[in-house]
Amino acid sequence: MSSSELDEYYEEVVDQLNCNASFCPPDPSEASPVAPGYCTDVTCALLAVANVIIVLLGIAGNGLVIWIAGFKIKKTVNAVWYLSLAVSDFLFCAFLPLSVVYIIRGEWEFGSFMCKFASFILTLNMFSSIFLLLIISVDRCVLVMFPVWAQNMRNLRRALVMVLLAWIGSALLSLPMAIFQQLDKKHKKCFSNYQKDEEHIAVTICRFIFGFVIPFLFIITCYFFIIRKLRSNQMARSKKPFKVMTTLIVAFFICWMPYHIFKLLELNVDYEHVIPTGQKFGITLASANSFMNPLLYAFMGKDFKRKCYAILSKIESTFEEETRSTHRGTSITYPGDSKLLTTV
């Protein structure tokens, strides 16, 4: 093999290993000759459809939580948690279409700045979402284990400080994505350009430890203490709390574990043939957590459910009034006239 062929092979390997935090673009050589740059395989189409659904459900669900928590219910500590989590997931879903376009076209069309900024925002909201889930879990544990202390110490000011610290920590951990992310203008590829293997390893391990291992251990520990406390309470006869907590832990694990597994495999060249496809599925599952959070956390609260039911009943009554009004208007006819009188 000549030196030029070796260089080309090396560039292809580097492109596959340095996929950005959102998606690995499809191989241009696999594109259709009729529409170069667009994905035509089934896997690509399924991932694109799945992510479009995530965007729609995520924006709608988190937008509803933002509206309710921000304007419709009393400002409480729980409302601050839910509002912050919804804002994080809403931003994630708002920038996700850029990555969807990238995986479909196989080319980054949004310029060098957006290559860095979009990756930073997506990573920022990944960390902030996870940290906020951690804060919610710890807060619930404290409420169950130390109710009197929690009643005296929990207030809006401390809740806002915790949220601010979560966002600051998320921003600091997301900076490497903005630093190492670069745009290959020739091939229109947005990828992480690590100069040294040590940099790649450090970023990946840091993301795995602080973005999954530590939060997951804290979350599962908190719910362990909550379940043990509830079981010791003779009044807690319902099995619903245990089912809810189990669902939260399983959903967190399923959504985020595949993503981090394939990011770790990225460090080993032996798995380069499974990394691109695996990362696409991993980030899709991780993205799904953004529309699941409103269902698993916010809408479980009594205030949120009550307000949602009120909103839905108002919408339903509005449609019913429109239907009755239309029926009344269209039921009036006159002999010899085929027109229907309708109300507007």
Protein backbone atom coordinates (compact mmCIF):
# COMPACT_ATOMS: atom_id res chain seq x y z
CA MET A 1 0.00 0.00 0.00
CA SER A 2 1.41 3.39 -1.01
CA SER A 3 1.89 6.30 1.37
CA SER A 4 -1.02 8.20 -0.18
CA GLU A 5 -3.33 5.23 0.29
CA LEU A 6 -2.19 4.91 3.89
CA ASP A 7 -2.95 8.58 4.47
CA GLU A 8 -6.44 8.20 3.02
CA TYR A 9 -7.09 5.12 5.14
CA TYR A 10 -5.87 6.91 8.25
CA GLU A 11 -8.16 9.89 7.56
CA GLU A 12 -11.16 7.56 7.21
CA VAL A 13 -10.36 5.87 10.54
CA VAL A 14 -9.92 9.22 12.27
CA ASP A 15 -13.25 10.47 10.88
CA GLN A 16 -15.02 7.40 12.27
CA LEU A 17 -13.38 7.63 15.68
CA ASN A 18 -13.86 11.36 16.07
CA CYS A 19 -17.62 11.54 15.59
CA ASN A 20 -19.17 14.44 17.43
CA ALA A 21 -21.35 14.20 20.54
CA SER A 22 -24.52 14.22 18.49
CA PHE A 23 -24.20 11.78 15.61
CA CYS A 24 -21.65 10.06 13.42
CA PRO A 25 -22.44 10.98 9.80
CA PRO A 26 -23.02 8.17 7.34
CA ASP A 27 -20.22 7.11 5.04
CA PRO A 28 -20.40 9.25 1.87
CA SER A 29 -19.36 6.23 -0.21
CA GLU A 30 -22.60 4.50 0.80
CA ALA A 31 -24.79 7.34 -0.44
CA SER A 32 -27.13 6.95 -3.36
CA PRO A 33 -25.68 8.00 -6.73
CA VAL A 34 -28.94 9.80 -7.47
CA ALA A 35 -28.92 11.92 -4.31
CA PRO A 36 -25.37 12.08 -2.98
CA GLY A 37 -25.08 13.14 0.65
CA TYR A 38 -28.49 11.83 1.69
CA CYS A 39 -28.98 8.64 3.67
CA THR A 40 -30.95 5.94 1.90
CA ASP A 41 -30.56 2.92 4.20
CA VAL A 42 -33.28 1.71 6.56
CA THR A 43 -31.25 2.33 9.71
CA CYS A 44 -30.73 5.97 8.85
CA ALA A 45 -34.41 6.46 8.04
CA LEU A 46 -35.53 4.82 11.30
CA LEU A 47 -33.14 6.94 13.35
CA ALA A 48 -34.28 10.10 11.58
CA VAL A 49 -37.96 9.30 12.21
CA ALA A 50 -37.25 8.38 15.84
CA ASN A 51 -35.42 11.66 16.46
CA VAL A 52 -38.12 13.73 14.78
CA ILE A 53 -40.65 12.09 17.13
CA ILE A 54 -38.37 12.85 20.09
CA VAL A 55 -38.13 16.49 19.02
CA LEU A 56 -41.90 16.88 18.67
CA LEU A 57 -42.77 15.10 21.92
CA GLY A 58 -39.90 16.74 23.79
CA ILE A 59 -40.78 20.27 22.74
CA ALA A 60 -44.50 19.74 23.38
CA GLY A 61 -44.10 17.96 26.74
CA ASN A 62 -41.39 20.19 28.13
CA GLY A 63 -43.09 23.29 26.75
CA LEU A 64 -46.23 22.32 28.68
CA VAL A 65 -44.20 21.82 31.87
CA ILE A 66 -42.52 25.23 31.40
CA TRP A 67 -45.90 26.86 30.93
CA ILE A 68 -47.45 25.19 33.97
CA ALA A 69 -44.43 25.50 36.30
CA GLY A 70 -43.63 29.03 35.18
CA PHE A 71 -47.07 30.59 35.02
CA LYS A 72 -49.86 28.34 36.27
CA ILE A 73 -48.91 26.96 39.68
CA LYS A 74 -47.53 28.36 42.88
CA LYS A 75 -43.76 28.85 42.96
CA THR A 76 -42.44 26.04 45.13
CA VAL A 77 -39.17 24.13 45.41
CA ASN A 78 -40.62 21.27 43.36
CA ALA A 79 -41.80 23.73 40.72
CA VAL A 80 -38.23 25.07 40.47
CA TRP A 81 -36.87 21.53 39.94
CA TYR A 82 -39.44 20.71 37.27
CA LEU A 83 -39.09 24.06 35.51
CA SER A 84 -35.30 23.81 35.37
CA LEU A 85 -35.40 20.22 34.13
CA ALA A 86 -37.97 21.13 31.48
CA VAL A 87 -35.87 24.10 30.27
CA SER A 88 -32.83 21.84 29.98
CA ASP A 89 -34.70 19.16 28.02
CA PHE A 90 -36.49 21.77 25.89
CA LEU A 91 -33.17 23.30 24.80
CA PHE A 92 -31.81 19.82 24.06
CA CYS A 93 -34.78 19.06 21.81
CA ALA A 94 -34.64 22.50 20.20
CA PHE A 95 -31.06 21.93 18.96
CA LEU A 96 -31.54 18.25 18.14
CA PRO A 97 -32.88 18.98 14.60
CA LEU A 98 -29.38 20.15 13.60
CA SER A 99 -28.05 16.70 14.37
CA VAL A 100 -30.97 15.08 12.57
CA VAL A 101 -30.12 17.04 9.42
CA TYR A 102 -26.48 16.02 9.86
CA ILE A 103 -27.21 12.32 10.04
CA ILE A 104 -29.59 12.48 7.06
CA ARG A 105 -27.35 14.50 4.76
CA GLY A 106 -24.00 13.28 6.05
CA GLU A 107 -22.74 16.87 5.81
CA TRP A 108 -22.68 19.76 8.28
CA GLU A 109 -24.42 22.73 6.65
CA PHE A 110 -24.49 25.21 9.54
CA GLY A 111 -20.97 26.64 9.65
CA SER A 112 -17.98 26.38 11.99
CA PHE A 113 -19.49 28.39 14.86
CA MET A 114 -22.66 26.31 15.00
CA CYS A 115 -20.54 23.15 14.81
CA LYS A 116 -18.95 24.14 18.11
CA PHE A 117 -21.97 25.82 19.66
CA ALA A 118 -24.50 23.09 18.87
CA SER A 119 -22.22 20.40 20.31
CA PHE A 120 -21.62 22.53 23.40
CA ILE A 121 -25.36 23.13 23.89
CA LEU A 122 -26.26 19.47 23.44
CA THR A 123 -23.56 18.38 25.90
CA LEU A 124 -24.50 21.18 28.31
CA ASN A 125 -28.08 20.04 28.41
CA MET A 126 -27.05 16.41 28.71
CA PHE A 127 -25.12 17.19 31.89
CA SER A 128 -27.64 19.69 33.26
CA SER A 129 -30.52 17.28 32.74
CA ILE A 130 -28.67 14.50 34.54
CA PHE A 131 -27.56 16.79 37.39
CA LEU A 132 -31.10 18.06 37.86
CA LEU A 133 -32.42 14.49 38.01
CA LEU A 134 -29.79 13.89 40.69
CA ILE A 135 -30.92 16.96 42.64
CA ILE A 136 -34.56 15.85 42.46
CA SER A 137 -33.63 12.39 43.73
CA VAL A 138 -31.59 13.75 46.64
CA ASP A 139 -34.36 16.22 47.50
CA ARG A 140 -36.95 13.43 47.61
CA CYS A 141 -34.69 11.34 49.79
CA VAL A 142 -34.18 14.19 52.25
CA LEU A 143 -37.92 14.82 52.38
CA VAL A 144 -38.61 11.20 53.31
CA MET A 145 -35.67 10.63 55.66
CA PHE A 146 -35.63 14.02 57.44
CA PRO A 147 -39.06 15.62 57.00
CA VAL A 148 -38.77 18.13 59.85
CA TRP A 149 -35.30 19.33 58.81
CA ALA A 150 -36.40 19.54 55.17
CA GLN A 151 -39.46 21.59 56.07
CA ASN A 152 -37.27 24.14 57.87
CA MET A 153 -34.39 24.27 55.36
CA ARG A 154 -36.03 23.88 51.93
CA ASN A 155 -36.84 27.22 50.31
CA LEU A 156 -36.87 28.83 46.89
CA ARG A 157 -33.59 30.66 47.37
CA ARG A 158 -31.61 27.49 48.14
CA ALA A 159 -33.34 25.69 45.29
CA LEU A 160 -32.31 28.41 42.84
CA VAL A 161 -28.72 28.24 44.10
CA MET A 162 -28.66 24.47 43.55
CA VAL A 163 -30.00 24.88 40.02
CA LEU A 164 -27.41 27.58 39.27
CA LEU A 165 -24.58 25.35 40.51
CA ALA A 166 -25.89 22.50 38.35
CA TRP A 167 -25.81 24.69 35.25
CA ILE A 168 -22.35 26.06 36.04
CA GLY A 169 -20.96 22.56 36.56
CA SER A 170 -22.61 21.42 33.33
CA ALA A 171 -21.08 24.33 31.41
CA LEU A 172 -17.59 23.58 32.72
CA LEU A 173 -17.86 19.90 31.82
CA SER A 174 -19.18 20.82 28.36
CA LEU A 175 -16.34 23.19 27.46
CA PRO A 176 -14.15 20.43 25.96
CA MET A 177 -16.79 19.87 23.27
CA ALA A 178 -16.47 23.52 22.19
CA ILE A 179 -12.67 23.39 22.39
CA PHE A 180 -12.06 20.18 20.44
CA GLN A 181 -15.00 20.36 18.06
CA GLN A 182 -13.97 21.41 14.55
CA LEU A 183 -15.46 21.62 11.09
CA ASP A 184 -13.73 19.95 8.17
CA LYS A 185 -14.86 22.40 5.49
CA LYS A 186 -13.65 20.19 2.65
CA HIS A 187 -15.74 17.16 3.62
CA LYS A 188 -18.29 19.14 5.70
CA LYS A 189 -17.75 16.99 8.76
CA CYS A 190 -18.27 18.29 12.30
CA PHE A 191 -16.11 16.13 14.57
CA SER A 192 -14.01 16.11 17.74
CA ASN A 193 -10.42 16.72 16.71
CA TYR A 194 -8.28 15.46 19.59
CA GLN A 195 -4.58 16.20 19.17
CA LYS A 196 -3.50 13.49 21.60
CA ASP A 197 -4.94 10.17 22.70
CA GLU A 198 -4.69 11.35 26.30
CA GLU A 199 -7.10 14.21 25.57
CA HIS A 200 -9.63 11.83 24.02
CA ILE A 201 -9.37 9.41 26.92
CA ALA A 202 -9.64 12.17 29.53
CA VAL A 203 -12.77 13.70 27.98
CA THR A 204 -14.48 10.31 27.52
CA ILE A 205 -13.71 9.06 31.04
CA CYS A 206 -14.72 12.37 32.60
CA ARG A 207 -18.02 12.34 30.72
CA PHE A 208 -18.68 8.75 31.80
CA ILE A 209 -17.80 9.31 35.48
CA PHE A 210 -19.56 12.65 35.99
CA GLY A 211 -22.32 12.15 33.42
CA PHE A 212 -23.39 8.65 34.39
CA VAL A 213 -21.58 6.69 37.13
CA ILE A 214 -21.76 9.23 39.96
CA PRO A 215 -25.34 10.43 39.19
CA PHE A 216 -26.61 6.87 38.76
CA LEU A 217 -25.04 5.70 42.03
CA PHE A 218 -26.52 8.66 43.90
CA ILE A 219 -29.96 8.21 42.31
CA ILE A 220 -30.15 4.48 43.03
CA THR A 221 -28.86 5.07 46.60
CA CYS A 222 -31.47 7.75 47.23
CA TYR A 223 -34.31 5.55 46.05
CA PHE A 224 -32.97 2.64 48.07
CA PHE A 225 -33.29 4.72 51.25
CA ILE A 226 -36.70 6.02 50.17
CA ILE A 227 -38.04 2.52 49.54
CA ARG A 228 -36.63 1.21 52.83
CA LYS A 229 -38.20 4.13 54.73
CA LEU A 230 -41.58 3.64 53.05
CA ARG A 231 -41.57 -0.08 53.74
CA SER A 232 -40.89 0.56 57.40
CA ASN A 233 -43.86 2.91 57.49
CA GLN A 234 -47.06 0.98 58.23
CA MET A 235 -49.09 3.62 56.42
CA ALA A 236 -47.32 2.99 53.10
CA ARG A 237 -49.44 0.08 51.89
CA SER A 238 -49.62 1.14 48.25
CA LYS A 239 -47.13 -0.43 45.85
CA LYS A 240 -47.33 2.52 43.46
CA PRO A 241 -44.33 4.44 44.93
CA PHE A 242 -42.09 1.41 44.50
CA LYS A 243 -43.20 0.91 40.91
CA VAL A 244 -42.65 4.58 40.13
CA MET A 245 -39.14 4.60 41.59
CA THR A 246 -38.22 1.40 39.79
CA THR A 247 -39.42 2.93 36.54
CA LEU A 248 -37.30 6.04 37.11
CA ILE A 249 -34.12 4.04 37.76
CA VAL A 250 -34.65 1.64 34.85
CA ALA A 251 -35.47 4.47 32.44
CA PHE A 252 -32.34 6.39 33.44
CA PHE A 253 -30.16 3.31 33.01
CA ILE A 254 -31.63 2.22 29.66
CA CYS A 255 -31.48 5.71 28.17
CA TRP A 256 -27.90 6.58 29.10
CA MET A 257 -25.92 3.36 29.46
CA PRO A 258 -25.70 2.50 25.71
CA TYR A 259 -24.49 6.01 24.89
CA HIS A 260 -21.59 5.80 27.33
CA ILE A 261 -20.73 2.21 26.35
CA PHE A 262 -20.16 3.22 22.73
CA LYS A 263 -18.25 6.34 23.76
CA LEU A 264 -15.91 4.09 25.75
CA LEU A 265 -15.62 1.65 22.84
CA GLU A 266 -14.54 4.62 20.75
CA LEU A 267 -11.23 4.46 22.61
CA ASN A 268 -10.52 0.98 21.22
CA VAL A 269 -9.76 0.76 17.50
CA ASP A 270 -10.76 -2.92 17.48
CA TYR A 271 -14.44 -1.89 17.68
CA GLU A 272 -14.33 0.78 14.97
CA HIS A 273 -16.75 -1.19 12.75
CA VAL A 274 -19.58 -1.01 15.34
CA ILE A 275 -18.90 2.46 16.73
CA PRO A 276 -20.70 4.67 14.14
CA THR A 277 -23.97 2.70 14.15
CA GLY A 278 -23.80 2.07 17.89
CA GLN A 279 -23.33 5.75 18.68
CA LYS A 280 -26.32 6.67 16.55
CA PHE A 281 -28.57 4.32 18.52
CA GLY A 282 -26.94 5.36 21.80
CA ILE A 283 -27.53 9.07 21.32
CA THR A 284 -31.10 8.37 20.16
CA LEU A 285 -31.88 6.50 23.38
CA ALA A 286 -30.22 9.27 25.41
CA SER A 287 -32.27 11.86 23.55
CA ALA A 288 -35.45 9.92 24.34
CA ASN A 289 -34.84 10.69 28.01
CA SER A 290 -35.61 14.33 27.25
CA PHE A 291 -39.25 13.67 26.38
CA MET A 292 -39.62 10.96 29.04
CA ASN A 293 -38.62 13.28 31.89
CA PRO A 294 -41.87 15.30 31.86
CA LEU A 295 -43.87 12.06 32.07
CA LEU A 296 -41.69 10.42 34.73
CA TYR A 297 -41.06 13.41 36.97
CA ALA A 298 -43.23 16.48 36.46
CA PHE A 299 -46.58 14.94 35.54
CA MET A 300 -46.40 12.57 38.53
CA GLY A 301 -46.85 15.50 40.88
CA LYS A 302 -50.37 16.16 42.11
CA ASP A 303 -50.25 19.87 41.25
CA PHE A 304 -49.09 19.13 37.72
CA LYS A 305 -51.66 16.40 37.14
CA ARG A 306 -54.45 18.57 38.51
CA LYS A 307 -53.42 21.50 36.32
CA CYS A 308 -53.04 19.26 33.24
CA TYR A 309 -56.50 17.80 33.81
CA ALA A 310 -57.88 21.32 34.14
CA ILE A 311 -56.22 22.41 30.89
CA LEU A 312 -57.38 19.30 29.03
CA SER A 313 -60.94 19.71 30.32
CA LYS A 314 -60.96 23.33 29.15
CA ILE A 315 -59.73 22.31 25.71
CA GLU A 316 -62.31 19.52 25.57
CA SER A 317 -65.13 21.83 26.63
CA THR A 318 -64.03 24.37 24.02
CA PHE A 319 -64.24 21.76 21.28
CA GLU A 320 -67.61 20.56 22.56
CA GLU A 321 -68.97 24.11 22.53
CA GLU A 322 -67.71 24.58 18.97
CA THR A 323 -69.32 21.30 17.93
CA ARG A 324 -72.66 22.15 19.53
CA SER A 325 -72.59 25.61 18.00
CA THR A 326 -71.84 24.19 14.55
CA HIS A 327 -74.61 21.58 14.85
CA ARG A 328 -77.10 24.26 15.85
CA GLY A 329 -76.13 26.44 12.91
CA THR A 330 -76.09 23.73 10.26
CA SER A 331 -79.40 22.20 11.29
CA ILE A 332 -81.49 25.17 10.10
CA THR A 333 -82.90 24.70 6.58
CA TYR A 334 -85.62 26.37 4.56
CA PRO A 335 -87.94 24.79 1.99
CA GLY A 336 -86.78 25.32 -1.56
CA ASP A 337 -83.32 26.41 -0.44
CA SER A 338 -80.44 23.93 -0.46
CA LYS A 339 -78.13 26.21 1.51
CA LEU A 340 -77.24 25.51 5.12
CA LEU A 341 -77.06 28.47 7.43
CA THR A 342 -73.87 28.20 9.50
CA THR A 343 -72.57 30.15 12.41
CA VAL A 344 -69.06 31.50 12.37
